[in-house]
Amino acid sequence: NTVLVAGLIGLLLGIVAALVYEPV
């Protein structure tokens, strides 16, 4: 569960980073 939750959080943060990458 720890690995799954941490992986999901990392994925969501990665998606956010991908959305703001080009504007930044």
PDB file of all heavy atoms in Angstrom:
ATOM      1  N   ASN A   1       0.820  -1.203   0.000  1.00  0.00           N
ATOM      2  CA  ASN A   1       0.000   0.000   0.000  1.00  0.00           C
ATOM      3  C   ASN A   1       0.857   1.258   0.000  1.00  0.00           C
ATOM      4  O   ASN A   1       0.523   2.257  -0.649  1.00  0.00           O
ATOM      5  CB  ASN A   1      -0.933   0.000   1.214  1.00  0.00           C
ATOM      6  CG  ASN A   1      -1.994  -1.076   1.126  1.00  0.00           C
ATOM      7  OD1 ASN A   1      -2.250  -1.608   0.046  1.00  0.00           O
ATOM      8  ND2 ASN A   1      -2.598  -1.408   2.252  1.00  0.00           N
ATOM      9  N   THR A   2       1.959   1.213   0.740  1.00  0.00           N
ATOM     10  CA  THR A   2       2.850   2.377   0.774  1.00  0.00           C
ATOM     11  C   THR A   2       3.419   2.667  -0.603  1.00  0.00           C
ATOM     12  O   THR A   2       3.466   3.816  -1.054  1.00  0.00           O
ATOM     13  CB  THR A   2       3.992   2.137   1.777  1.00  0.00           C
ATOM     14  OG1 THR A   2       3.447   1.888   3.075  1.00  0.00           O
ATOM     15  CG2 THR A   2       4.916   3.347   1.848  1.00  0.00           C
ATOM     16  N   VAL A   3       3.861   1.613  -1.297  1.00  0.00           N
ATOM     17  CA  VAL A   3       4.431   1.794  -2.637  1.00  0.00           C
ATOM     18  C   VAL A   3       3.371   2.296  -3.610  1.00  0.00           C
ATOM     19  O   VAL A   3       3.628   3.203  -4.428  1.00  0.00           O
ATOM     20  CB  VAL A   3       5.060   0.469  -3.123  1.00  0.00           C
ATOM     21  CG1 VAL A   3       5.461   0.567  -4.595  1.00  0.00           C
ATOM     22  CG2 VAL A   3       6.276   0.113  -2.285  1.00  0.00           C
ATOM     23  N   LEU A   4       2.162   1.734  -3.540  1.00  0.00           N
ATOM     24  CA  LEU A   4       1.092   2.151  -4.459  1.00  0.00           C
ATOM     25  C   LEU A   4       0.705   3.610  -4.237  1.00  0.00           C
ATOM     26  O   LEU A   4       0.542   4.380  -5.198  1.00  0.00           O
ATOM     27  CB  LEU A   4      -0.125   1.244  -4.285  1.00  0.00           C
ATOM     28  CG  LEU A   4       0.010  -0.197  -4.807  1.00  0.00           C
ATOM     29  CD1 LEU A   4      -1.235  -0.993  -4.478  1.00  0.00           C
ATOM     30  CD2 LEU A   4       0.251  -0.201  -6.307  1.00  0.00           C
ATOM     31  N   VAL A   5       0.534   3.991  -2.971  1.00  0.00           N
ATOM     32  CA  VAL A   5       0.141   5.369  -2.685  1.00  0.00           C
ATOM     33  C   VAL A   5       1.236   6.339  -3.105  1.00  0.00           C
ATOM     34  O   VAL A   5       0.962   7.378  -3.729  1.00  0.00           O
ATOM     35  CB  VAL A   5      -0.181   5.528  -1.182  1.00  0.00           C
ATOM     36  CG1 VAL A   5      -0.374   7.001  -0.826  1.00  0.00           C
ATOM     37  CG2 VAL A   5      -1.427   4.733  -0.823  1.00  0.00           C
ATOM     38  N   ALA A   6       2.490   5.999  -2.784  1.00  0.00           N
ATOM     39  CA  ALA A   6       3.590   6.882  -3.163  1.00  0.00           C
ATOM     40  C   ALA A   6       3.721   6.965  -4.682  1.00  0.00           C
ATOM     41  O   ALA A   6       3.981   8.045  -5.238  1.00  0.00           O
ATOM     42  CB  ALA A   6       4.898   6.379  -2.554  1.00  0.00           C
ATOM     43  N   GLY A   7       3.519   5.849  -5.386  1.00  0.00           N
ATOM     44  CA  GLY A   7       3.568   5.867  -6.850  1.00  0.00           C
ATOM     45  C   GLY A   7       2.462   6.711  -7.446  1.00  0.00           C
ATOM     46  O   GLY A   7       2.679   7.463  -8.411  1.00  0.00           O
ATOM     47  N   LEU A   8       1.253   6.611  -6.885  1.00  0.00           N
ATOM     48  CA  LEU A   8       0.135   7.414  -7.375  1.00  0.00           C
ATOM     49  C   LEU A   8       0.386   8.904  -7.158  1.00  0.00           C
ATOM     50  O   LEU A   8       0.120   9.732  -8.043  1.00  0.00           O
ATOM     51  CB  LEU A   8      -1.149   6.988  -6.673  1.00  0.00           C
ATOM     52  CG  LEU A   8      -2.430   7.747  -7.068  1.00  0.00           C
ATOM     53  CD1 LEU A   8      -2.709   7.600  -8.555  1.00  0.00           C
ATOM     54  CD2 LEU A   8      -3.613   7.254  -6.236  1.00  0.00           C
ATOM     55  N   ILE A   9       0.905   9.236  -5.981  1.00  0.00           N
ATOM     56  CA  ILE A   9       1.214  10.641  -5.713  1.00  0.00           C
ATOM     57  C   ILE A   9       2.281  11.148  -6.681  1.00  0.00           C
ATOM     58  O   ILE A   9       2.190  12.263  -7.217  1.00  0.00           O
ATOM     59  CB  ILE A   9       1.671  10.822  -4.247  1.00  0.00           C
ATOM     60  CG1 ILE A   9       0.513  10.521  -3.292  1.00  0.00           C
ATOM     61  CG2 ILE A   9       2.214  12.228  -4.013  1.00  0.00           C
ATOM     62  CD1 ILE A   9       0.894  10.529  -1.831  1.00  0.00           C
ATOM     63  N   GLY A  10       3.322  10.315  -6.919  1.00  0.00           N
ATOM     64  CA  GLY A  10       4.359  10.713  -7.870  1.00  0.00           C
ATOM     65  C   GLY A  10       3.818  10.892  -9.268  1.00  0.00           C
ATOM     66  O   GLY A  10       4.209  11.834  -9.990  1.00  0.00           O
ATOM     67  N   LEU A  11       2.882  10.024  -9.688  1.00  0.00           N
ATOM     68  CA  LEU A  11       2.271  10.143 -11.009  1.00  0.00           C
ATOM     69  C   LEU A  11       1.474  11.436 -11.136  1.00  0.00           C
ATOM     70  O   LEU A  11       1.573  12.151 -12.146  1.00  0.00           O
ATOM     71  CB  LEU A  11       1.378   8.937 -11.277  1.00  0.00           C
ATOM     72  CG  LEU A  11       0.619   8.932 -12.607  1.00  0.00           C
ATOM     73  CD1 LEU A  11       1.591   8.936 -13.788  1.00  0.00           C
ATOM     74  CD2 LEU A  11      -0.321   7.732 -12.685  1.00  0.00           C
ATOM     75  N   LEU A  12       0.690  11.757 -10.115  1.00  0.00           N
ATOM     76  CA  LEU A  12      -0.109  12.989 -10.154  1.00  0.00           C
ATOM     77  C   LEU A  12       0.788  14.221 -10.199  1.00  0.00           C
ATOM     78  O   LEU A  12       0.525  15.176 -10.941  1.00  0.00           O
ATOM     79  CB  LEU A  12      -1.031  13.046  -8.937  1.00  0.00           C
ATOM     80  CG  LEU A  12      -2.146  11.979  -8.886  1.00  0.00           C
ATOM     81  CD1 LEU A  12      -2.917  12.078  -7.583  1.00  0.00           C
ATOM     82  CD2 LEU A  12      -3.079  12.136 -10.076  1.00  0.00           C
ATOM     83  N   LEU A  13       1.861  14.191  -9.421  1.00  0.00           N
ATOM     84  CA  LEU A  13       2.793  15.322  -9.451  1.00  0.00           C
ATOM     85  C   LEU A  13       3.481  15.429 -10.809  1.00  0.00           C
ATOM     86  O   LEU A  13       3.730  16.540 -11.307  1.00  0.00           O
ATOM     87  CB  LEU A  13       3.834  15.170  -8.336  1.00  0.00           C
ATOM     88  CG  LEU A  13       3.304  15.309  -6.899  1.00  0.00           C
ATOM     89  CD1 LEU A  13       4.417  15.038  -5.907  1.00  0.00           C
ATOM     90  CD2 LEU A  13       2.711  16.696  -6.673  1.00  0.00           C
ATOM     91  N   GLY A  14       3.763  14.272 -11.416  1.00  0.00           N
ATOM     92  CA  GLY A  14       4.368  14.279 -12.743  1.00  0.00           C
ATOM     93  C   GLY A  14       3.430  14.863 -13.789  1.00  0.00           C
ATOM     94  O   GLY A  14       3.860  15.587 -14.698  1.00  0.00           O
ATOM     95  N   ILE A  15       2.134  14.543 -13.687  1.00  0.00           N
ATOM     96  CA  ILE A  15       1.151  15.105 -14.623  1.00  0.00           C
ATOM     97  C   ILE A  15       1.064  16.616 -14.458  1.00  0.00           C
ATOM     98  O   ILE A  15       1.020  17.374 -15.440  1.00  0.00           O
ATOM     99  CB  ILE A  15      -0.220  14.439 -14.407  1.00  0.00           C
ATOM    100  CG1 ILE A  15      -0.155  12.957 -14.824  1.00  0.00           C
ATOM    101  CG2 ILE A  15      -1.294  15.167 -15.191  1.00  0.00           C
ATOM    102  CD1 ILE A  15      -1.413  12.181 -14.500  1.00  0.00           C
ATOM    103  N   VAL A  16       1.043  17.077 -13.212  1.00  0.00           N
ATOM    104  CA  VAL A  16       1.009  18.518 -12.970  1.00  0.00           C
ATOM    105  C   VAL A  16       2.261  19.178 -13.543  1.00  0.00           C
ATOM    106  O   VAL A  16       2.195  20.253 -14.174  1.00  0.00           O
ATOM    107  CB  VAL A  16       0.881  18.802 -11.464  1.00  0.00           C
ATOM    108  CG1 VAL A  16       1.023  20.299 -11.187  1.00  0.00           C
ATOM    109  CG2 VAL A  16      -0.449  18.297 -10.940  1.00  0.00           C
ATOM    110  N   ALA A  17       3.410  18.528 -13.330  1.00  0.00           N
ATOM    111  CA  ALA A  17       4.663  19.082 -13.863  1.00  0.00           C
ATOM    112  C   ALA A  17       4.629  19.136 -15.388  1.00  0.00           C
ATOM    113  O   ALA A  17       5.127  20.096 -16.002  1.00  0.00           O
ATOM    114  CB  ALA A  17       5.845  18.239 -13.383  1.00  0.00           C
ATOM    115  N   ALA A  18       4.039  18.120 -16.025  1.00  0.00           N
ATOM    116  CA  ALA A  18       3.951  18.116 -17.487  1.00  0.00           C
ATOM    117  C   ALA A  18       3.061  19.238 -17.989  1.00  0.00           C
ATOM    118  O   ALA A  18       3.331  19.847 -19.027  1.00  0.00           O
ATOM    119  CB  ALA A  18       3.427  16.760 -17.958  1.00  0.00           C
ATOM    120  N   LEU A  19       1.992  19.557 -17.256  1.00  0.00           N
ATOM    121  CA  LEU A  19       1.074  20.618 -17.681  1.00  0.00           C
ATOM    122  C   LEU A  19       1.709  22.002 -17.547  1.00  0.00           C
ATOM    123  O   LEU A  19       1.438  22.906 -18.354  1.00  0.00           O
ATOM    124  CB  LEU A  19      -0.212  20.552 -16.858  1.00  0.00           C
ATOM    125  CG  LEU A  19      -1.114  19.330 -17.116  1.00  0.00           C
ATOM    126  CD1 LEU A  19      -2.264  19.297 -16.123  1.00  0.00           C
ATOM    127  CD2 LEU A  19      -1.656  19.349 -18.551  1.00  0.00           C
ATOM    128  N   VAL A  20       2.527  22.189 -16.526  1.00  0.00           N
ATOM    129  CA  VAL A  20       3.099  23.524 -16.298  1.00  0.00           C
ATOM    130  C   VAL A  20       4.514  23.632 -16.853  1.00  0.00           C
ATOM    131  O   VAL A  20       5.126  24.711 -16.761  1.00  0.00           O
ATOM    132  CB  VAL A  20       3.106  23.853 -14.787  1.00  0.00           C
ATOM    133  CG1 VAL A  20       1.699  23.804 -14.225  1.00  0.00           C
ATOM    134  CG2 VAL A  20       4.030  22.921 -14.017  1.00  0.00           C
ATOM    135  N   TYR A  21       5.029  22.556 -17.427  1.00  0.00           N
ATOM    136  CA  TYR A  21       6.424  22.555 -17.878  1.00  0.00           C
ATOM    137  C   TYR A  21       6.673  23.613 -18.949  1.00  0.00           C
ATOM    138  O   TYR A  21       7.579  24.446 -18.828  1.00  0.00           O
ATOM    139  CB  TYR A  21       6.797  21.167 -18.392  1.00  0.00           C
ATOM    140  CG  TYR A  21       8.188  21.097 -18.976  1.00  0.00           C
ATOM    141  CD1 TYR A  21       9.299  21.118 -18.161  1.00  0.00           C
ATOM    142  CD2 TYR A  21       8.374  21.018 -20.357  1.00  0.00           C
ATOM    143  CE1 TYR A  21      10.580  21.064 -18.696  1.00  0.00           C
ATOM    144  CE2 TYR A  21       9.650  20.963 -20.904  1.00  0.00           C
ATOM    145  CZ  TYR A  21      10.756  20.974 -20.058  1.00  0.00           C
ATOM    146  OH  TYR A  21      12.016  20.930 -20.594  1.00  0.00           O
ATOM    147  N   GLU A  22       5.886  23.600 -20.011  1.00  0.00           N
ATOM    148  CA  GLU A  22       6.120  24.531 -21.122  1.00  0.00           C
ATOM    149  C   GLU A  22       5.881  25.982 -20.725  1.00  0.00           C
ATOM    150  O   GLU A  22       6.699  26.861 -21.057  1.00  0.00           O
ATOM    151  CB  GLU A  22       5.266  24.134 -22.314  1.00  0.00           C
ATOM    152  CG  GLU A  22       5.690  22.813 -22.932  1.00  0.00           C
ATOM    153  CD  GLU A  22       4.867  22.458 -24.153  1.00  0.00           C
ATOM    154  OE1 GLU A  22       3.936  23.240 -24.473  1.00  0.00           O
ATOM    155  OE2 GLU A  22       5.132  21.410 -24.761  1.00  0.00           O
ATOM    156  N   PRO A  23       4.779  26.314 -20.010  1.00  0.00           N
ATOM    157  CA  PRO A  23       4.624  27.715 -19.576  1.00  0.00           C
ATOM    158  C   PRO A  23       5.771  28.202 -18.697  1.00  0.00           C
ATOM    159  O   PRO A  23       6.230  29.335 -18.843  1.00  0.00           O
ATOM    160  CB  PRO A  23       3.296  27.697 -18.812  1.00  0.00           C
ATOM    161  CG  PRO A  23       2.546  26.555 -19.391  1.00  0.00           C
ATOM    162  CD  PRO A  23       3.564  25.525 -19.705  1.00  0.00           C
ATOM    163  N   VAL A  24       6.216  27.360 -17.775  1.00  0.00           N
ATOM    164  CA  VAL A  24       7.329  27.749 -16.911  1.00  0.00           C
ATOM    165  C   VAL A  24       8.604  27.917 -17.731  1.00  0.00           C
ATOM    166  O   VAL A  24       9.383  28.859 -17.524  1.00  0.00           O
ATOM    167  CB  VAL A  24       7.517  26.702 -15.788  1.00  0.00           C
ATOM    168  CG1 VAL A  24       8.807  26.963 -15.019  1.00  0.00           C
ATOM    169  CG2 VAL A  24       6.328  26.721 -14.841  1.00  0.00           C
TER     170      VAL A  24
END
